[in-house]
C-alpha atoms as a PDB file:
ATOM      1  CA  UNK A   1       2.769  20.506  35.535  1.00  0.00           C
ATOM      2  CA  UNK A   2       0.367  20.800  38.459  1.00  0.00           C
ATOM      3  CA  UNK A   3      -0.426  18.050  40.966  1.00  0.00           C
ATOM      4  CA  UNK A   4      -4.049  17.685  39.825  1.00  0.00           C
ATOM      5  CA  UNK A   5      -2.908  16.824  36.308  1.00  0.00           C
ATOM      6  CA  UNK A   6      -0.088  14.519  37.475  1.00  0.00           C
ATOM      7  CA  UNK A   7      -2.395  12.704  39.881  1.00  0.00           C
ATOM      8  CA  UNK A   8      -4.963  12.165  37.154  1.00  0.00           C
ATOM      9  CA  UNK A   9      -2.311  10.892  34.729  1.00  0.00           C
ATOM     10  CA  UNK A  10      -1.075   8.338  37.296  1.00  0.00           C
ATOM     11  CA  UNK A  11      -4.693   7.469  37.977  1.00  0.00           C
ATOM     12  CA  UNK A  12      -5.194   6.839  34.256  1.00  0.00           C
ATOM     13  CA  UNK A  13      -2.533   4.128  34.278  1.00  0.00           C
ATOM     14  CA  UNK A  14      -4.029   2.490  37.381  1.00  0.00           C
ATOM     15  CA  UNK A  15      -7.543   2.876  36.019  1.00  0.00           C
ATOM     16  CA  UNK A  16      -6.697   1.048  32.816  1.00  0.00           C
ATOM     17  CA  UNK A  17      -5.693  -1.939  34.939  1.00  0.00           C
ATOM     18  CA  UNK A  18      -8.815  -1.552  37.067  1.00  0.00           C
ATOM     19  CA  UNK A  19     -11.074  -1.884  34.046  1.00  0.00           C
ATOM     20  CA  UNK A  20      -9.033  -4.801  32.746  1.00  0.00           C
ATOM     21  CA  UNK A  21      -9.727  -6.712  35.960  1.00  0.00           C
ATOM     22  CA  UNK A  22     -13.381  -6.849  34.951  1.00  0.00           C
ATOM     23  CA  UNK A  23     -12.502  -8.965  31.928  1.00  0.00           C
ATOM     24  CA  UNK A  24     -10.316 -11.449  33.788  1.00  0.00           C
ATOM     25  CA  UNK A  25     -11.806 -14.815  34.631  1.00  0.00           C
ATOM     26  CA  UNK A  26      -9.398 -16.413  37.110  1.00  0.00           C
ATOM     27  CA  UNK A  27      -8.964 -15.480  40.738  1.00  0.00           C
ATOM     28  CA  UNK A  28      -5.153 -15.448  40.483  1.00  0.00           C
ATOM     29  CA  UNK A  29      -5.078 -13.113  37.483  1.00  0.00           C
ATOM     30  CA  UNK A  30      -7.585 -10.773  39.171  1.00  0.00           C
ATOM     31  CA  UNK A  31      -5.534 -10.564  42.385  1.00  0.00           C
ATOM     32  CA  UNK A  32      -2.157 -10.057  40.656  1.00  0.00           C
ATOM     33  CA  UNK A  33      -3.483  -7.381  38.321  1.00  0.00           C
ATOM     34  CA  UNK A  34      -5.094  -5.639  41.269  1.00  0.00           C
ATOM     35  CA  UNK A  35      -1.713  -5.409  43.032  1.00  0.00           C
ATOM     36  CA  UNK A  36      -0.276  -3.436  40.111  1.00  0.00           C
ATOM     37  CA  UNK A  37      -3.433  -1.332  39.992  1.00  0.00           C
ATOM     38  CA  UNK A  38      -3.307  -0.602  43.743  1.00  0.00           C
ATOM     39  CA  UNK A  39       0.296   0.584  43.444  1.00  0.00           C
ATOM     40  CA  UNK A  40      -0.607   3.142  40.795  1.00  0.00           C
ATOM     41  CA  UNK A  41      -3.875   4.165  42.422  1.00  0.00           C
ATOM     42  CA  UNK A  42      -2.165   4.580  45.789  1.00  0.00           C
ATOM     43  CA  UNK A  43       0.376   6.911  44.197  1.00  0.00           C
ATOM     44  CA  UNK A  44      -2.410   8.888  42.499  1.00  0.00           C
ATOM     45  CA  UNK A  45      -4.261   9.202  45.799  1.00  0.00           C
ATOM     46  CA  UNK A  46      -1.158  10.524  47.544  1.00  0.00           C
ATOM     47  CA  UNK A  47      -0.612  13.093  44.789  1.00  0.00           C
ATOM     48  CA  UNK A  48      -4.274  14.203  44.964  1.00  0.00           C
ATOM     49  CA  UNK A  49      -4.368  14.375  48.777  1.00  0.00           C
ATOM     50  CA  UNK A  50      -6.439  11.246  49.276  1.00  0.00           C
ATOM     51  CA  UNK A  51      -4.572   9.745  52.203  1.00  0.00           C
ATOM     52  CA  UNK A  52      -7.177   7.134  53.154  1.00  0.00           C
ATOM     53  CA  UNK A  53      -7.394   6.071  49.524  1.00  0.00           C
ATOM     54  CA  UNK A  54      -3.641   5.539  49.535  1.00  0.00           C
ATOM     55  CA  UNK A  55      -3.849   3.586  52.806  1.00  0.00           C
ATOM     56  CA  UNK A  56      -6.609   1.456  51.332  1.00  0.00           C
ATOM     57  CA  UNK A  57      -4.513   0.738  48.248  1.00  0.00           C
ATOM     58  CA  UNK A  58      -1.349  -0.146  50.132  1.00  0.00           C
ATOM     59  CA  UNK A  59      -3.064  -2.409  52.653  1.00  0.00           C
ATOM     60  CA  UNK A  60      -5.002  -3.998  49.790  1.00  0.00           C
ATOM     61  CA  UNK A  61      -1.716  -5.068  48.185  1.00  0.00           C
ATOM     62  CA  UNK A  62      -0.815  -6.833  51.439  1.00  0.00           C
ATOM     63  CA  UNK A  63      -4.240  -8.479  51.508  1.00  0.00           C
ATOM     64  CA  UNK A  64      -3.972  -9.683  47.914  1.00  0.00           C
ATOM     65  CA  UNK A  65      -0.510 -11.124  48.530  1.00  0.00           C
ATOM     66  CA  UNK A  66      -1.900 -13.171  51.433  1.00  0.00           C
ATOM     67  CA  UNK A  67      -4.878 -14.185  49.281  1.00  0.00           C
ATOM     68  CA  UNK A  68      -2.650 -15.541  46.519  1.00  0.00           C
ATOM     69  CA  UNK A  69      -1.363 -18.147  48.972  1.00  0.00           C
ATOM     70  CA  UNK A  70      -4.858 -19.394  49.721  1.00  0.00           C
ATOM     71  CA  UNK A  71      -7.993 -18.458  51.596  1.00  0.00           C
ATOM     72  CA  UNK A  72      -7.504 -15.888  54.324  1.00  0.00           C
ATOM     73  CA  UNK A  73      -8.158 -17.047  57.860  1.00  0.00           C
ATOM     74  CA  UNK A  74     -10.567 -15.016  59.936  1.00  0.00           C
ATOM     75  CA  UNK A  75      -7.587 -13.847  62.027  1.00  0.00           C
ATOM     76  CA  UNK A  76      -5.712 -12.550  58.961  1.00  0.00           C
ATOM     77  CA  UNK A  77      -8.834 -10.811  57.654  1.00  0.00           C
ATOM     78  CA  UNK A  78      -9.410  -9.159  61.025  1.00  0.00           C
ATOM     79  CA  UNK A  79      -5.754  -8.076  61.183  1.00  0.00           C
ATOM     80  CA  UNK A  80      -5.947  -6.490  57.722  1.00  0.00           C
ATOM     81  CA  UNK A  81      -9.259  -4.788  58.518  1.00  0.00           C
ATOM     82  CA  UNK A  82      -7.901  -3.499  61.851  1.00  0.00           C
ATOM     83  CA  UNK A  83      -4.766  -2.187  60.116  1.00  0.00           C
ATOM     84  CA  UNK A  84      -6.930  -0.310  57.580  1.00  0.00           C
ATOM     85  CA  UNK A  85      -9.120   1.185  60.286  1.00  0.00           C
ATOM     86  CA  UNK A  86      -6.293   2.167  62.665  1.00  0.00           C
ATOM     87  CA  UNK A  87      -4.192   3.833  59.974  1.00  0.00           C
ATOM     88  CA  UNK A  88      -7.197   5.641  58.545  1.00  0.00           C
ATOM     89  CA  UNK A  89      -8.553   6.785  61.898  1.00  0.00           C
ATOM     90  CA  UNK A  90      -5.314   8.575  62.613  1.00  0.00           C
ATOM     91  CA  UNK A  91      -4.727  10.006  59.114  1.00  0.00           C
ATOM     92  CA  UNK A  92      -8.189  10.711  57.681  1.00  0.00           C
ATOM     93  CA  UNK A  93      -8.618  14.352  56.711  1.00  0.00           C
ATOM     94  CA  UNK A  94     -11.837  14.060  54.689  1.00  0.00           C
ATOM     95  CA  UNK A  95     -14.443  13.163  57.310  1.00  0.00           C
ATOM     96  CA  UNK A  96     -16.997  10.526  56.300  1.00  0.00           C
ATOM     97  CA  UNK A  97     -15.871  10.687  52.662  1.00  0.00           C
ATOM     98  CA  UNK A  98     -12.423   9.562  53.789  1.00  0.00           C
ATOM     99  CA  UNK A  99     -13.968   6.404  55.210  1.00  0.00           C
ATOM    100  CA  UNK A 100     -15.434   5.238  51.884  1.00  0.00           C
ATOM    101  CA  UNK A 101     -12.222   3.628  50.557  1.00  0.00           C
ATOM    102  CA  UNK A 102     -11.712   1.943  53.919  1.00  0.00           C
ATOM    103  CA  UNK A 103     -15.257   0.585  54.070  1.00  0.00           C
ATOM    104  CA  UNK A 104     -14.795  -0.629  50.501  1.00  0.00           C
ATOM    105  CA  UNK A 105     -11.484  -2.317  51.293  1.00  0.00           C
ATOM    106  CA  UNK A 106     -12.780  -3.876  54.527  1.00  0.00           C
ATOM    107  CA  UNK A 107     -15.840  -5.245  52.719  1.00  0.00           C
ATOM    108  CA  UNK A 108     -13.680  -6.628  49.932  1.00  0.00           C
ATOM    109  CA  UNK A 109     -11.225  -8.108  52.456  1.00  0.00           C
ATOM    110  CA  UNK A 110     -14.031  -9.896  54.260  1.00  0.00           C
ATOM    111  CA  UNK A 111     -15.455 -11.242  50.989  1.00  0.00           C
ATOM    112  CA  UNK A 112     -12.208 -11.962  49.106  1.00  0.00           C
ATOM    113  CA  UNK A 113     -12.380 -15.718  49.572  1.00  0.00           C
ATOM    114  CA  UNK A 114     -15.612 -16.032  47.630  1.00  0.00           C
ATOM    115  CA  UNK A 115     -14.980 -19.013  45.373  1.00  0.00           C
ATOM    116  CA  UNK A 116     -17.409 -18.173  42.591  1.00  0.00           C
ATOM    117  CA  UNK A 117     -16.003 -15.642  40.099  1.00  0.00           C
ATOM    118  CA  UNK A 118     -19.467 -14.181  39.508  1.00  0.00           C
ATOM    119  CA  UNK A 119     -19.906 -13.453  43.210  1.00  0.00           C
ATOM    120  CA  UNK A 120     -16.388 -11.986  43.331  1.00  0.00           C
ATOM    121  CA  UNK A 121     -17.338  -9.640  40.523  1.00  0.00           C
ATOM    122  CA  UNK A 122     -20.484  -8.588  42.429  1.00  0.00           C
ATOM    123  CA  UNK A 123     -18.272  -7.826  45.427  1.00  0.00           C
ATOM    124  CA  UNK A 124     -16.006  -5.775  43.142  1.00  0.00           C
ATOM    125  CA  UNK A 125     -19.006  -3.821  41.840  1.00  0.00           C
ATOM    126  CA  UNK A 126     -20.201  -2.980  45.356  1.00  0.00           C
ATOM    127  CA  UNK A 127     -16.716  -2.049  46.543  1.00  0.00           C
ATOM    128  CA  UNK A 128     -16.015   0.083  43.464  1.00  0.00           C
ATOM    129  CA  UNK A 129     -19.273   1.944  43.887  1.00  0.00           C
ATOM    130  CA  UNK A 130     -17.942   3.431  47.138  1.00  0.00           C
ATOM    131  CA  UNK A 131     -14.980   4.878  45.271  1.00  0.00           C
ATOM    132  CA  UNK A 132     -17.257   6.936  42.988  1.00  0.00           C
ATOM    133  CA  UNK A 133     -17.963   9.545  45.654  1.00  0.00           C
ATOM    134  CA  UNK A 134     -14.429   9.476  47.053  1.00  0.00           C
ATOM    135  CA  UNK A 135     -12.752   9.964  43.680  1.00  0.00           C
ATOM    136  CA  UNK A 136     -14.936  12.882  42.669  1.00  0.00           C
ATOM    137  CA  UNK A 137     -14.285  14.495  46.066  1.00  0.00           C
ATOM    138  CA  UNK A 138     -10.489  14.419  45.660  1.00  0.00           C
ATOM    139  CA  UNK A 139     -10.818  15.549  42.023  1.00  0.00           C
ATOM    140  CA  UNK A 140      -9.673  12.234  40.627  1.00  0.00           C
ATOM    141  CA  UNK A 141     -11.762  12.704  37.511  1.00  0.00           C
ATOM    142  CA  UNK A 142     -10.022   9.917  35.670  1.00  0.00           C
ATOM    143  CA  UNK A 143     -10.582   7.574  38.622  1.00  0.00           C
ATOM    144  CA  UNK A 144     -14.267   8.519  38.773  1.00  0.00           C
ATOM    145  CA  UNK A 145     -14.740   7.847  35.069  1.00  0.00           C
ATOM    146  CA  UNK A 146     -12.992   4.519  35.341  1.00  0.00           C
ATOM    147  CA  UNK A 147     -14.960   3.593  38.462  1.00  0.00           C
ATOM    148  CA  UNK A 148     -18.020   3.666  36.230  1.00  0.00           C
ATOM    149  CA  UNK A 149     -16.232   1.697  33.510  1.00  0.00           C
ATOM    150  CA  UNK A 150     -15.015  -0.884  36.035  1.00  0.00           C
ATOM    151  CA  UNK A 151     -18.515  -1.432  37.314  1.00  0.00           C
ATOM    152  CA  UNK A 152     -19.726  -1.883  33.748  1.00  0.00           C
ATOM    153  CA  UNK A 153     -16.854  -4.225  32.798  1.00  0.00           C
ATOM    154  CA  UNK A 154     -17.545  -6.416  35.820  1.00  0.00           C
ATOM    155  CA  UNK A 155     -21.206  -6.529  34.842  1.00  0.00           C
ATOM    156  CA  UNK A 156     -20.081  -7.619  31.389  1.00  0.00           C
ATOM    157  CA  UNK A 157     -17.799 -10.196  33.011  1.00  0.00           C
ATOM    158  CA  UNK A 158     -20.742 -11.590  34.966  1.00  0.00           C
ATOM    159  CA  UNK A 159     -22.797 -11.913  31.807  1.00  0.00           C
ATOM    160  CA  UNK A 160     -19.878 -13.556  30.017  1.00  0.00           C
ATOM    161  CA  UNK A 161     -19.361 -16.066  32.825  1.00  0.00           C
ATOM    162  CA  UNK A 162     -23.073 -16.894  32.867  1.00  0.00           C
ATOM    163  CA  UNK A 163     -23.091 -17.372  29.108  1.00  0.00           C
ATOM    164  CA  UNK A 164     -20.060 -19.683  29.180  1.00  0.00           C
ATOM    165  CA  UNK A 165     -21.717 -21.712  31.961  1.00  0.00           C
ATOM    166  CA  UNK A 166     -24.880 -22.033  29.876  1.00  0.00           C
ATOM    167  CA  UNK A 167     -22.836 -23.301  26.926  1.00  0.00           C
ATOM    168  CA  UNK A 168     -20.994 -25.833  29.110  1.00  0.00           C
ATOM    169  CA  UNK A 169     -24.218 -26.916  30.782  1.00  0.00           C
ATOM    170  CA  UNK A 170     -26.110 -27.384  27.524  1.00  0.00           C
ATOM    171  CA  UNK A 171     -23.174 -29.332  25.997  1.00  0.00           C
ATOM    172  CA  UNK A 172     -23.206 -31.777  28.915  1.00  0.00           C
END
């Protein structure tokens, strides 16, 4: 079995979790599910030659673990962002495309403490959009397809959250 096929199969498992995140409504469940997703997606990126994508995934697990304990301090956020940038600067082999997962992860890291689930989903949509170009470049066709589905599921999640707020508000 060739590496392109293996990488896309591993990506399929991670991508299923990625889409599922869009349907989750609590911060804790989103962050925990993302850790499992990042593990699989990091492995897929390594198999497909996407080193900065793997770095982004692995550092994102660290970030999410800190986030589960509470809001990240500015110092912790800056440390995580610096770690992403330093590792990527020395290992990036894809030029500006290789920076897309890092920009995405740094943006998400900075915004991770957004309290409102709707805003968090908007952040996820923006961050995931950067992966579209990266995934197609490293031939992660499964990842690309699921990037689109993740964006759509988060849009659905936003609509669902708004609808449940309308119901609660009108009942009050």
